[in-house]
């Protein structure tokens, strides 16, 4: 067995050993808890085990925007703990994403814990209103959870859609470069066919999309202070 084969075997063993951990966490916290085990070697079908059901994930499903963001950071990725998000149907979810590393320190997967706290959030809002505690906390972002990676990529791209009339067609060259840079930083282009999907959204050729991506990786920009293009 060569070095690369040994590395892959080690990663497979770590994933296999983590499956009962996922089952144990979900069993401990009950029906409002879901634990998802990801293998980042296959972004389009990264889910290798699921215990519980909160986001509707199934084995063989794709990673979410959160997973793509972690993937984009590579070995510099860190655990993301106790953050709030919402699913497309409005479920309020408290989550933690813990990266998995092999013996060299390389990130190759993640263990994600999702807890449905919708009822807790509603109770908190009601009690705060009764107690006169003022404005509600900031609304958490909506995250696309699904087994289809194309829907995840599409949601990330559409979140950057220009608000002004004309939409994508009105983007200038610099704006398109910034868009490609931002999508790249979010891990979008780690997914197969993502360049083609983005090209279709923008109404440009695949060759143009590859050109924008290449240029965005070699162009330096000042720090952004605004929102999406």
Foldseek 3Di string as FASTA:
>chain_A
DDPVVVQVVQVVVVLVVCQVVQQVVDVVVDQQKKKFKFFQVAQLQGTCDMHHDDQNDDHRAHDWLVVLLQVLCWLVRAKDAQDWEAEPVGFIKTKIWHFDAGPVSTTGIIMMMIGGCRVVLVVVVVVCVVVVVDDDDDHHYYMYDIRGVLVRLVVVLVVQWDPDPPTLNPDDLVLLLVSLLVCSSSNQVVHPCSLVSSCVVNVHDSVVSVVSNVVSVVDDDDDDDDDHD
